[in-house]
Amino acid sequence: MTFLRSLWNDEQGQDLIEYTLLMAFVALASAALFIGAGGSVKGIWSATNSQLTAANSAAS
């Protein structure tokens, strides 16, 4: 019983776990932002492609 109590009260390694959880949260949040921004980037590339195609047709 004393071993379990000392194991429960031991805080060594707690910081490592907290930083790991924080890093995982930041990684997931970043991934969500990149996925959400994918549609915007696709729209920008489509508009740019359309304008370049129109400019190429007008120049020919």
PDB file of N, CA and C in Angstrom:
ATOM      1  N   MET A   1       0.826  -1.195   0.000  1.00  0.00           N
ATOM      2  CA  MET A   1       0.000   0.000   0.000  1.00  0.00           C
ATOM      3  C   MET A   1       0.870   1.259   0.000  1.00  0.00           C
ATOM      4  N   THR A   2       1.975   1.219   0.710  1.00  0.00           N
ATOM      5  CA  THR A   2       2.881   2.367   0.760  1.00  0.00           C
ATOM      6  C   THR A   2       3.479   2.632  -0.620  1.00  0.00           C
ATOM      7  N   PHE A   3       3.763   1.567  -1.355  1.00  0.00           N
ATOM      8  CA  PHE A   3       4.312   1.717  -2.702  1.00  0.00           C
ATOM      9  C   PHE A   3       3.323   2.434  -3.619  1.00  0.00           C
ATOM     10  N   LEU A   4       2.056   2.048  -3.553  1.00  0.00           N
ATOM     11  CA  LEU A   4       1.039   2.683  -4.391  1.00  0.00           C
ATOM     12  C   LEU A   4       0.854   4.145  -4.018  1.00  0.00           C
ATOM     13  N   ARG A   5       0.888   4.432  -2.726  1.00  0.00           N
ATOM     14  CA  ARG A   5       0.730   5.808  -2.272  1.00  0.00           C
ATOM     15  C   ARG A   5       1.900   6.668  -2.742  1.00  0.00           C
ATOM     16  N   SER A   6       3.112   6.142  -2.664  1.00  0.00           N
ATOM     17  CA  SER A   6       4.276   6.899  -3.122  1.00  0.00           C
ATOM     18  C   SER A   6       4.253   7.067  -4.637  1.00  0.00           C
ATOM     19  N   LEU A   7       3.746   6.065  -5.351  1.00  0.00           N
ATOM     20  CA  LEU A   7       3.624   6.162  -6.796  1.00  0.00           C
ATOM     21  C   LEU A   7       2.597   7.216  -7.176  1.00  0.00           C
ATOM     22  N   TRP A   8       1.502   7.296  -6.427  1.00  0.00           N
ATOM     23  CA  TRP A   8       0.432   8.270  -6.680  1.00  0.00           C
ATOM     24  C   TRP A   8       0.921   9.695  -6.440  1.00  0.00           C
ATOM     25  N   ASN A   9       1.737   9.901  -5.422  1.00  0.00           N
ATOM     26  CA  ASN A   9       2.206  11.234  -5.060  1.00  0.00           C
ATOM     27  C   ASN A   9       3.439  11.669  -5.849  1.00  0.00           C
ATOM     28  N   ASP A  10       4.050  10.760  -6.571  1.00  0.00           N
ATOM     29  CA  ASP A  10       5.249  11.087  -7.340  1.00  0.00           C
ATOM     30  C   ASP A  10       4.855  11.937  -8.542  1.00  0.00           C
ATOM     31  N   GLU A  11       5.464  13.116  -8.674  1.00  0.00           N
ATOM     32  CA  GLU A  11       5.139  14.030  -9.766  1.00  0.00           C
ATOM     33  C   GLU A  11       6.242  14.100 -10.809  1.00  0.00           C
ATOM     34  N   GLN A  12       7.190  13.233 -10.732  1.00  0.00           N
ATOM     35  CA  GLN A  12       8.277  13.226 -11.702  1.00  0.00           C
ATOM     36  C   GLN A  12       7.738  12.751 -13.045  1.00  0.00           C
ATOM     37  N   GLY A  13       8.001  13.490 -14.088  1.00  0.00           N
ATOM     38  CA  GLY A  13       7.510  13.148 -15.416  1.00  0.00           C
ATOM     39  C   GLY A  13       6.196  13.815 -15.764  1.00  0.00           C
ATOM     40  N   GLN A  14       5.591  14.492 -14.832  1.00  0.00           N
ATOM     41  CA  GLN A  14       4.309  15.144 -15.081  1.00  0.00           C
ATOM     42  C   GLN A  14       4.462  16.256 -16.116  1.00  0.00           C
ATOM     43  N   ASP A  15       5.550  17.010 -16.037  1.00  0.00           N
ATOM     44  CA  ASP A  15       5.774  18.087 -16.997  1.00  0.00           C
ATOM     45  C   ASP A  15       5.906  17.555 -18.410  1.00  0.00           C
ATOM     46  N   LEU A  16       6.587  16.438 -18.553  1.00  0.00           N
ATOM     47  CA  LEU A  16       6.763  15.845 -19.874  1.00  0.00           C
ATOM     48  C   LEU A  16       5.421  15.472 -20.487  1.00  0.00           C
ATOM     49  N   ILE A  17       4.546  14.903 -19.689  1.00  0.00           N
ATOM     50  CA  ILE A  17       3.225  14.520 -20.182  1.00  0.00           C
ATOM     51  C   ILE A  17       2.417  15.757 -20.552  1.00  0.00           C
ATOM     52  N   GLU A  18       2.488  16.792 -19.726  1.00  0.00           N
ATOM     53  CA  GLU A  18       1.737  18.016 -20.025  1.00  0.00           C
ATOM     54  C   GLU A  18       2.232  18.663 -21.311  1.00  0.00           C
ATOM     55  N   TYR A  19       3.545  18.738 -21.496  1.00  0.00           N
ATOM     56  CA  TYR A  19       4.073  19.321 -22.718  1.00  0.00           C
ATOM     57  C   TYR A  19       3.732  18.473 -23.937  1.00  0.00           C
ATOM     58  N   THR A  20       3.712  17.172 -23.777  1.00  0.00           N
ATOM     59  CA  THR A  20       3.347  16.292 -24.882  1.00  0.00           C
ATOM     60  C   THR A  20       1.891  16.494 -25.272  1.00  0.00           C
ATOM     61  N   LEU A  21       1.019  16.601 -24.292  1.00  0.00           N
ATOM     62  CA  LEU A  21      -0.398  16.853 -24.582  1.00  0.00           C
ATOM     63  C   LEU A  21      -0.595  18.211 -25.241  1.00  0.00           C
ATOM     64  N   LEU A  22       0.126  19.210 -24.775  1.00  0.00           N
ATOM     65  CA  LEU A  22       0.035  20.539 -25.376  1.00  0.00           C
ATOM     66  C   LEU A  22       0.520  20.514 -26.820  1.00  0.00           C
ATOM     67  N   MET A  23       1.617  19.810 -27.076  1.00  0.00           N
ATOM     68  CA  MET A  23       2.143  19.708 -28.433  1.00  0.00           C
ATOM     69  C   MET A  23       1.163  18.965 -29.348  1.00  0.00           C
ATOM     70  N   ALA A  24       0.515  17.934 -28.826  1.00  0.00           N
ATOM     71  CA  ALA A  24      -0.475  17.202 -29.616  1.00  0.00           C
ATOM     72  C   ALA A  24      -1.672  18.093 -29.942  1.00  0.00           C
ATOM     73  N   PHE A  25      -2.102  18.901 -28.986  1.00  0.00           N
ATOM     74  CA  PHE A  25      -3.209  19.822 -29.235  1.00  0.00           C
ATOM     75  C   PHE A  25      -2.845  20.842 -30.307  1.00  0.00           C
ATOM     76  N   VAL A  26      -1.648  21.388 -30.238  1.00  0.00           N
ATOM     77  CA  VAL A  26      -1.206  22.367 -31.235  1.00  0.00           C
ATOM     78  C   VAL A  26      -1.132  21.721 -32.616  1.00  0.00           C
ATOM     79  N   ALA A  27      -0.658  20.498 -32.686  1.00  0.00           N
ATOM     80  CA  ALA A  27      -0.570  19.793 -33.967  1.00  0.00           C
ATOM     81  C   ALA A  27      -1.957  19.544 -34.555  1.00  0.00           C
ATOM     82  N   LEU A  28      -2.901  19.136 -33.725  1.00  0.00           N
ATOM     83  CA  LEU A  28      -4.261  18.899 -34.216  1.00  0.00           C
ATOM     84  C   LEU A  28      -4.939  20.194 -34.646  1.00  0.00           C
ATOM     85  N   ALA A  29      -4.730  21.251 -33.898  1.00  0.00           N
ATOM     86  CA  ALA A  29      -5.313  22.545 -34.261  1.00  0.00           C
ATOM     87  C   ALA A  29      -4.714  23.048 -35.576  1.00  0.00           C
ATOM     88  N   SER A  30      -3.418  22.872 -35.751  1.00  0.00           N
ATOM     89  CA  SER A  30      -2.764  23.284 -36.999  1.00  0.00           C
ATOM     90  C   SER A  30      -3.296  22.483 -38.180  1.00  0.00           C
ATOM     91  N   ALA A  31      -3.456  21.197 -37.994  1.00  0.00           N
ATOM     92  CA  ALA A  31      -3.989  20.349 -39.064  1.00  0.00           C
ATOM     93  C   ALA A  31      -5.407  20.783 -39.438  1.00  0.00           C
ATOM     94  N   ALA A  32      -6.204  21.101 -38.448  1.00  0.00           N
ATOM     95  CA  ALA A  32      -7.576  21.550 -38.723  1.00  0.00           C
ATOM     96  C   ALA A  32      -7.573  22.866 -39.496  1.00  0.00           C
ATOM     97  N   LEU A  33      -6.673  23.761 -39.149  1.00  0.00           N
ATOM     98  CA  LEU A  33      -6.588  25.031 -39.875  1.00  0.00           C
ATOM     99  C   LEU A  33      -6.133  24.822 -41.312  1.00  0.00           C
ATOM    100  N   PHE A  34      -5.161  23.937 -41.518  1.00  0.00           N
ATOM    101  CA  PHE A  34      -4.696  23.685 -42.875  1.00  0.00           C
ATOM    102  C   PHE A  34      -5.783  23.039 -43.726  1.00  0.00           C
ATOM    103  N   ILE A  35      -6.552  22.141 -43.140  1.00  0.00           N
ATOM    104  CA  ILE A  35      -7.640  21.496 -43.881  1.00  0.00           C
ATOM    105  C   ILE A  35      -8.710  22.528 -44.224  1.00  0.00           C
ATOM    106  N   GLY A  36      -9.007  23.397 -43.270  1.00  0.00           N
ATOM    107  CA  GLY A  36     -10.002  24.440 -43.520  1.00  0.00           C
ATOM    108  C   GLY A  36      -9.540  25.451 -44.550  1.00  0.00           C
ATOM    109  N   ALA A  37      -8.253  25.737 -44.584  1.00  0.00           N
ATOM    110  CA  ALA A  37      -7.722  26.714 -45.529  1.00  0.00           C
ATOM    111  C   ALA A  37      -7.547  26.124 -46.921  1.00  0.00           C
ATOM    112  N   GLY A  38      -7.633  24.813 -47.047  1.00  0.00           N
ATOM    113  CA  GLY A  38      -7.446  24.167 -48.349  1.00  0.00           C
ATOM    114  C   GLY A  38      -8.442  24.641 -49.384  1.00  0.00           C
ATOM    115  N   GLY A  39      -9.690  24.821 -48.991  1.00  0.00           N
ATOM    116  CA  GLY A  39     -10.713  25.309 -49.922  1.00  0.00           C
ATOM    117  C   GLY A  39     -10.418  26.721 -50.388  1.00  0.00           C
ATOM    118  N   SER A  40      -9.927  27.561 -49.502  1.00  0.00           N
ATOM    119  CA  SER A  40      -9.594  28.937 -49.870  1.00  0.00           C
ATOM    120  C   SER A  40      -8.435  28.970 -50.855  1.00  0.00           C
ATOM    121  N   VAL A  41      -7.426  28.162 -50.600  1.00  0.00           N
ATOM    122  CA  VAL A  41      -6.277  28.114 -51.500  1.00  0.00           C
ATOM    123  C   VAL A  41      -6.707  27.592 -52.866  1.00  0.00           C
ATOM    124  N   LYS A  42      -7.577  26.603 -52.878  1.00  0.00           N
ATOM    125  CA  LYS A  42      -8.067  26.064 -54.143  1.00  0.00           C
ATOM    126  C   LYS A  42      -8.821  27.132 -54.923  1.00  0.00           C
ATOM    127  N   GLY A  43      -9.630  27.928 -54.224  1.00  0.00           N
ATOM    128  CA  GLY A  43     -10.360  29.005 -54.887  1.00  0.00           C
ATOM    129  C   GLY A  43      -9.437  30.066 -55.458  1.00  0.00           C
ATOM    130  N   ILE A  44      -8.390  30.405 -54.722  1.00  0.00           N
ATOM    131  CA  ILE A  44      -7.428  31.399 -55.211  1.00  0.00           C
ATOM    132  C   ILE A  44      -6.723  30.884 -56.459  1.00  0.00           C
ATOM    133  N   TRP A  45      -6.291  29.616 -56.447  1.00  0.00           N
ATOM    134  CA  TRP A  45      -5.615  29.057 -57.616  1.00  0.00           C
ATOM    135  C   TRP A  45      -6.558  28.975 -58.810  1.00  0.00           C
ATOM    136  N   SER A  46      -7.816  28.646 -58.578  1.00  0.00           N
ATOM    137  CA  SER A  46      -8.784  28.565 -59.685  1.00  0.00           C
ATOM    138  C   SER A  46      -9.005  29.938 -60.309  1.00  0.00           C
ATOM    139  N   ALA A  47      -9.161  30.958 -59.465  1.00  0.00           N
ATOM    140  CA  ALA A  47      -9.360  32.314 -59.987  1.00  0.00           C
ATOM    141  C   ALA A  47      -8.127  32.786 -60.754  1.00  0.00           C
ATOM    142  N   THR A  48      -6.953  32.510 -60.216  1.00  0.00           N
ATOM    143  CA  THR A  48      -5.720  32.909 -60.893  1.00  0.00           C
ATOM    144  C   THR A  48      -5.576  32.191 -62.225  1.00  0.00           C
ATOM    145  N   ASN A  49      -5.897  30.913 -62.254  1.00  0.00           N
ATOM    146  CA  ASN A  49      -5.819  30.146 -63.495  1.00  0.00           C
ATOM    147  C   ASN A  49      -6.789  30.697 -64.533  1.00  0.00           C
ATOM    148  N   SER A  50      -7.987  31.043 -64.116  1.00  0.00           N
ATOM    149  CA  SER A  50      -8.975  31.598 -65.046  1.00  0.00           C
ATOM    150  C   SER A  50      -8.495  32.928 -65.623  1.00  0.00           C
ATOM    151  N   GLN A  51      -7.926  33.772 -64.777  1.00  0.00           N
ATOM    152  CA  GLN A  51      -7.440  35.068 -65.248  1.00  0.00           C
ATOM    153  C   GLN A  51      -6.250  34.911 -66.192  1.00  0.00           C
ATOM    154  N   LEU A  52      -5.351  33.983 -65.873  1.00  0.00           N
ATOM    155  CA  LEU A  52      -4.220  33.749 -66.758  1.00  0.00           C
ATOM    156  C   LEU A  52      -4.675  33.179 -68.103  1.00  0.00           C
ATOM    157  N   THR A  53      -5.656  32.313 -68.101  1.00  0.00           N
ATOM    158  CA  THR A  53      -6.186  31.739 -69.349  1.00  0.00           C
ATOM    159  C   THR A  53      -6.835  32.842 -70.185  1.00  0.00           C
ATOM    160  N   ALA A  54      -7.606  33.713 -69.527  1.00  0.00           N
ATOM    161  CA  ALA A  54      -8.249  34.813 -70.240  1.00  0.00           C
ATOM    162  C   ALA A  54      -7.220  35.781 -70.803  1.00  0.00           C
ATOM    163  N   ALA A  55      -6.177  36.072 -70.040  1.00  0.00           N
ATOM    164  CA  ALA A  55      -5.138  36.975 -70.520  1.00  0.00           C
ATOM    165  C   ALA A  55      -4.383  36.356 -71.684  1.00  0.00           C
ATOM    166  N   ASN A  56      -4.154  35.052 -71.632  1.00  0.00           N
ATOM    167  CA  ASN A  56      -3.458  34.369 -72.731  1.00  0.00           C
ATOM    168  C   ASN A  56      -4.304  34.379 -73.991  1.00  0.00           C
ATOM    169  N   SER A  57      -5.604  34.191 -73.838  1.00  0.00           N
ATOM    170  CA  SER A  57      -6.496  34.224 -75.006  1.00  0.00           C
ATOM    171  C   SER A  57      -6.566  35.620 -75.598  1.00  0.00           C
ATOM    172  N   ALA A  58      -6.581  36.639 -74.758  1.00  0.00           N
ATOM    173  CA  ALA A  58      -6.664  38.017 -75.245  1.00  0.00           C
ATOM    174  C   ALA A  58      -5.365  38.432 -75.920  1.00  0.00           C
ATOM    175  N   ALA A  59      -4.252  37.903 -75.472  1.00  0.00           N
ATOM    176  CA  ALA A  59      -2.958  38.280 -76.034  1.00  0.00           C
ATOM    177  C   ALA A  59      -2.703  37.581 -77.365  1.00  0.00           C
ATOM    178  N   SER A  60      -3.383  36.479 -77.632  1.00  0.00           N
ATOM    179  CA  SER A  60      -3.133  35.705 -78.858  1.00  0.00           C
ATOM    180  C   SER A  60      -3.806  36.271 -80.044  1.00  0.00           C
TER     181      SER A  60
END
